[in-house]
Amino acid sequence: MAWTATATVSLCCRLVRLPVVPYARRPPPLSTRCSAAQSPDAVDREYADLNLRPLYPNRGHHLRIRQHVNPLSSSFSEPTEPPEWKEVFDDPLLPLMVDIGCGSGRFLIWLAKNSGERRNYLGLEIRQKCPDPHFKKRHHKRRVLQPQLVDSITKNLCLSGRVLLQSDVLEVAADMRERFDGCSDVFEHVDCIDKDLRCNNEGWLLDNPMGIRTEREIHAELEGATIYRRMYQKTRNFHH
């Protein structure tokens, strides 16, 4: 993990609660089925200026993609060897934005194309589709944001670097929020720093600060879900 050059970390966790009743016994409501059918078109419209359709020639076919991946499996137990960053980026010393759980990567590609700032972009993903929220307590250790990741971000994110937490599952968003609220000696929520970023009475950001929605965000909002967001800024260095 190359955090030392990091200026912004975007932790966009696109999580969906799966139905527990078999489809054959109880079909989903018509509104949900219509939203599911509209979702691919809505995503394509949102990212139309990227002109990526030639890269997805079979997008019209609905494929069943395995959503559950165990991040604790042996295949993920060995750290991968980091690449030579000077071969990946033209200038490895530029600020780095990391999207942890980047899905297909279109959100990150859009940001790279449309951002007016010079920076590098890195997407990290181990799942073919999107993370499982892991509602069972014994599976919470499989969630994306674990103490080790929080510790790594806290130690290596540069001063004024920002962390965006986002989920359409309140339980998961609250869990991530609790972890970063516990680092108040290092991070402050951005509404304390930037008065243009407003929160509701529960402390969740009212608007998406990124300029474009993630693919999961589009799907979730079509289904009527609420997106829960918190953004933190590093205001002090970490001290042991």
Protein backbone atom coordinates (compact mmCIF):
# COMPACT_ATOMS: atom_id res chain seq x y z
CA MET A 1 0.00 0.00 0.00
CA ALA A 2 1.50 3.31 -1.09
CA TRP A 3 0.04 5.76 1.37
CA THR A 4 3.04 8.05 1.83
CA ALA A 5 2.23 10.15 -1.26
CA THR A 6 -1.46 10.18 -0.50
CA ALA A 7 -3.42 13.42 -0.46
CA THR A 8 -6.93 11.98 -0.63
CA VAL A 9 -8.33 8.55 0.13
CA SER A 10 -11.81 7.78 -1.17
CA LEU A 11 -13.32 4.83 0.64
CA CYS A 12 -16.46 4.21 -1.39
CA CYS A 13 -18.03 1.00 -0.12
CA ARG A 14 -20.91 0.06 -2.37
CA LEU A 15 -22.87 -2.37 -0.28
CA VAL A 16 -26.23 -3.97 -0.93
CA ARG A 17 -28.49 -5.97 1.39
CA LEU A 18 -29.43 -9.16 -0.47
CA PRO A 19 -32.98 -10.57 -0.35
CA VAL A 20 -33.31 -13.59 1.92
CA VAL A 21 -36.50 -15.01 0.39
CA PRO A 22 -36.03 -17.19 -2.72
CA TYR A 23 -37.23 -15.50 -5.90
CA ALA A 24 -39.36 -18.48 -6.90
CA ARG A 25 -41.41 -18.24 -3.74
CA ARG A 26 -41.78 -14.48 -3.50
CA PRO A 27 -40.88 -12.32 -6.52
CA PRO A 28 -39.53 -8.87 -5.68
CA PRO A 29 -41.94 -5.94 -5.94
CA LEU A 30 -42.54 -4.59 -9.41
CA SER A 31 -40.91 -1.27 -8.50
CA THR A 32 -37.71 -3.08 -7.51
CA ARG A 33 -37.70 -5.12 -10.71
CA CYS A 34 -38.19 -1.96 -12.78
CA SER A 35 -35.37 -0.22 -10.92
CA ALA A 36 -33.06 -3.18 -11.49
CA ALA A 37 -33.85 -3.09 -15.19
CA GLN A 38 -33.21 0.66 -15.36
CA SER A 39 -29.96 0.57 -13.38
CA PRO A 40 -27.55 -0.42 -16.22
CA ASP A 41 -29.02 2.28 -18.46
CA ALA A 42 -28.76 4.87 -15.69
CA VAL A 43 -25.11 3.98 -15.08
CA ASP A 44 -24.35 4.16 -18.81
CA ARG A 45 -25.95 7.61 -19.02
CA GLU A 46 -24.02 8.91 -16.01
CA TYR A 47 -20.70 7.77 -17.47
CA ALA A 48 -21.54 8.35 -21.15
CA ASP A 49 -18.74 10.88 -21.71
CA LEU A 50 -16.15 8.17 -20.95
CA ASN A 51 -17.22 6.32 -24.11
CA LEU A 52 -16.52 2.93 -22.51
CA ARG A 53 -19.33 0.94 -24.13
CA PRO A 54 -16.91 -0.77 -26.58
CA LEU A 55 -15.18 -2.25 -23.52
CA TYR A 56 -18.47 -3.87 -22.39
CA PRO A 57 -19.78 -5.55 -25.58
CA ASN A 58 -21.93 -8.06 -23.65
CA ARG A 59 -23.39 -5.56 -21.18
CA GLY A 60 -26.90 -6.27 -22.42
CA HIS A 61 -26.69 -9.87 -21.22
CA HIS A 62 -27.50 -10.34 -17.55
CA LEU A 63 -24.74 -12.49 -16.10
CA ARG A 64 -24.84 -14.00 -12.64
CA ILE A 65 -21.67 -12.79 -10.94
CA ARG A 66 -20.58 -14.17 -7.60
CA GLN A 67 -20.94 -11.35 -5.10
CA HIS A 68 -19.68 -13.01 -1.93
CA VAL A 69 -15.90 -13.17 -1.65
CA ASN A 70 -14.13 -14.11 1.56
CA PRO A 71 -11.34 -11.55 2.05
CA LEU A 72 -9.86 -13.83 4.72
CA SER A 73 -9.28 -16.71 2.29
CA SER A 74 -5.75 -18.00 1.74
CA SER A 75 -5.61 -16.43 -1.73
CA PHE A 76 -5.63 -12.99 -0.09
CA SER A 77 -3.39 -13.83 2.89
CA GLU A 78 -0.11 -13.00 1.14
CA PRO A 79 0.53 -9.31 0.40
CA THR A 80 1.01 -8.69 -3.29
CA GLU A 81 4.31 -7.28 -4.42
CA PRO A 82 3.83 -3.57 -5.15
CA PRO A 83 4.66 -2.51 -8.71
CA GLU A 84 7.36 -0.06 -9.67
CA TRP A 85 5.31 3.09 -9.22
CA LYS A 86 7.47 5.05 -11.66
CA GLU A 87 6.36 2.56 -14.32
CA VAL A 88 2.69 2.95 -13.36
CA PHE A 89 2.52 6.74 -12.97
CA ASP A 90 4.28 9.41 -15.03
CA ASP A 91 5.00 11.26 -11.80
CA PRO A 92 4.73 9.03 -8.69
CA LEU A 93 5.23 12.04 -6.41
CA LEU A 94 1.89 13.60 -7.31
CA PRO A 95 -0.91 13.36 -4.71
CA LEU A 96 -2.59 9.96 -4.83
CA MET A 97 -6.32 9.25 -4.65
CA VAL A 98 -7.21 5.67 -3.70
CA ASP A 99 -10.67 4.16 -4.23
CA ILE A 100 -10.90 1.11 -1.96
CA GLY A 101 -13.59 -1.12 -3.42
CA CYS A 102 -13.56 0.49 -6.86
CA GLY A 103 -15.82 -2.03 -8.64
CA SER A 104 -15.46 -1.65 -12.41
CA GLY A 105 -13.35 1.48 -11.92
CA ARG A 106 -15.55 3.83 -13.93
CA PHE A 107 -16.04 6.20 -11.00
CA LEU A 108 -12.27 6.59 -10.67
CA ILE A 109 -11.76 6.94 -14.45
CA TRP A 110 -14.35 9.73 -14.50
CA LEU A 111 -12.61 11.56 -11.65
CA ALA A 112 -9.22 11.23 -13.38
CA LYS A 113 -10.65 12.65 -16.61
CA ASN A 114 -12.67 15.49 -15.10
CA SER A 115 -10.68 16.61 -12.08
CA GLY A 116 -8.91 19.91 -12.59
CA GLU A 117 -6.13 18.87 -10.21
CA ARG A 118 -2.98 16.96 -11.12
CA ARG A 119 -2.92 13.74 -9.12
CA ASN A 120 -2.57 10.00 -9.51
CA TYR A 121 -5.47 7.55 -9.14
CA LEU A 122 -5.42 3.99 -7.84
CA GLY A 123 -8.40 1.60 -7.61
CA LEU A 124 -8.33 -1.47 -5.35
CA GLU A 125 -10.83 -4.32 -5.67
CA ILE A 126 -10.94 -8.03 -4.80
CA ARG A 127 -14.59 -8.69 -5.62
CA GLN A 128 -16.08 -9.09 -9.05
CA LYS A 129 -19.13 -7.04 -8.20
CA CYS A 130 -19.44 -5.28 -4.84
CA PRO A 131 -18.81 -6.08 -1.17
CA ASP A 132 -21.12 -8.09 1.04
CA PRO A 133 -22.24 -5.98 4.04
CA HIS A 134 -21.61 -8.98 6.35
CA PHE A 135 -24.50 -8.40 8.76
CA LYS A 136 -23.69 -11.39 10.99
CA LYS A 137 -21.48 -10.34 13.88
CA ARG A 138 -19.07 -13.22 13.36
CA HIS A 139 -18.48 -11.95 9.81
CA HIS A 140 -17.81 -8.31 10.73
CA LYS A 141 -14.08 -9.06 10.49
CA ARG A 142 -14.61 -9.49 6.73
CA ARG A 143 -15.78 -5.92 6.22
CA VAL A 144 -13.55 -3.56 4.27
CA LEU A 145 -12.72 -1.08 7.02
CA GLN A 146 -10.78 -2.90 9.73
CA PRO A 147 -8.58 -1.43 12.51
CA GLN A 148 -5.43 -2.25 10.53
CA LEU A 149 -6.63 -0.19 7.56
CA VAL A 150 -7.69 2.71 9.78
CA ASP A 151 -4.26 2.59 11.44
CA SER A 152 -2.48 2.60 8.07
CA ILE A 153 -4.50 5.56 6.81
CA THR A 154 -4.03 7.43 10.08
CA LYS A 155 -0.26 7.00 10.02
CA ASN A 156 0.44 7.55 6.32
CA LEU A 157 -2.14 10.01 5.00
CA CYS A 158 -0.54 13.43 4.57
CA LEU A 159 -1.78 16.47 6.44
CA SER A 160 -4.99 17.92 4.91
CA GLY A 161 -5.64 14.58 3.17
CA ARG A 162 -9.28 13.50 3.19
CA VAL A 163 -11.11 10.20 3.71
CA LEU A 164 -14.62 9.70 2.30
CA LEU A 165 -16.76 6.94 3.82
CA GLN A 166 -19.91 5.98 1.96
CA SER A 167 -22.48 3.17 2.06
CA ASP A 168 -26.17 2.63 1.39
CA VAL A 169 -26.30 0.29 4.43
CA LEU A 170 -26.72 2.30 7.63
CA GLU A 171 -25.23 -0.39 9.86
CA VAL A 172 -22.05 -0.52 7.78
CA ALA A 173 -21.81 3.28 7.45
CA ALA A 174 -22.24 3.68 11.21
CA ASP A 175 -19.53 1.08 11.85
CA MET A 176 -17.07 2.94 9.59
CA ARG A 177 -18.05 6.26 11.13
CA GLU A 178 -17.42 4.97 14.65
CA ARG A 179 -13.89 3.93 13.70
CA PHE A 180 -12.93 7.35 12.34
CA ASP A 181 -14.82 9.30 15.00
CA GLY A 182 -12.52 7.45 17.40
CA CYS A 183 -9.51 9.09 15.73
CA SER A 184 -10.52 12.65 16.62
CA ASP A 185 -6.95 13.41 17.74
CA VAL A 186 -5.92 13.12 14.08
CA PHE A 187 -9.07 13.68 11.98
CA GLU A 188 -11.85 16.23 11.97
CA HIS A 189 -15.10 15.91 10.06
CA VAL A 190 -15.04 18.28 7.09
CA ASP A 191 -18.14 20.23 8.11
CA CYS A 192 -16.01 21.61 10.95
CA ILE A 193 -13.49 22.88 8.37
CA ASP A 194 -15.49 23.55 5.20
CA LYS A 195 -18.84 25.20 5.92
CA ASP A 196 -20.00 24.52 2.32
CA LEU A 197 -20.20 20.82 3.18
CA ARG A 198 -23.40 20.57 5.20
CA CYS A 199 -24.69 17.66 7.30
CA ASN A 200 -28.13 16.58 8.45
CA ASN A 201 -29.11 16.34 12.12
CA GLU A 202 -27.51 12.87 12.36
CA GLY A 203 -24.16 14.12 11.05
CA TRP A 204 -24.32 12.57 7.55
CA LEU A 205 -23.28 14.69 4.58
CA LEU A 206 -26.29 16.00 2.68
CA ASP A 207 -24.64 15.96 -0.74
CA ASN A 208 -22.16 13.91 -2.71
CA PRO A 209 -18.88 15.89 -2.60
CA MET A 210 -17.27 14.05 -5.53
CA GLY A 211 -19.18 15.55 -8.46
CA ILE A 212 -20.47 12.21 -9.74
CA ARG A 213 -22.21 9.18 -8.21
CA THR A 214 -20.60 5.76 -7.95
CA GLU A 215 -22.23 2.89 -9.82
CA ARG A 216 -23.54 1.38 -6.58
CA GLU A 217 -24.89 4.79 -5.60
CA ILE A 218 -26.90 4.99 -8.83
CA HIS A 219 -28.36 1.49 -8.32
CA ALA A 220 -29.19 2.18 -4.66
CA GLU A 221 -30.90 5.51 -5.29
CA LEU A 222 -33.00 4.00 -8.07
CA GLU A 223 -34.23 1.52 -5.46
CA GLY A 224 -35.06 4.37 -3.08
CA ALA A 225 -32.14 3.80 -0.70
CA THR A 226 -30.42 6.51 1.33
CA ILE A 227 -26.68 7.07 0.89
CA TYR A 228 -24.82 7.66 4.15
CA ARG A 229 -21.59 9.67 3.84
CA ARG A 230 -18.92 11.05 6.15
CA MET A 231 -15.74 12.83 5.07
CA TYR A 232 -12.76 13.38 7.37
CA GLN A 233 -9.69 15.58 6.99
CA LYS A 234 -6.37 14.91 8.63
CA THR A 235 -5.54 17.95 10.72
CA ARG A 236 -2.76 16.58 12.94
CA ASN A 237 -0.01 14.02 12.51
CA PHE A 238 -0.28 10.65 14.22
CA HIS A 239 1.81 10.19 17.36
CA HIS A 240 2.34 6.92 19.21
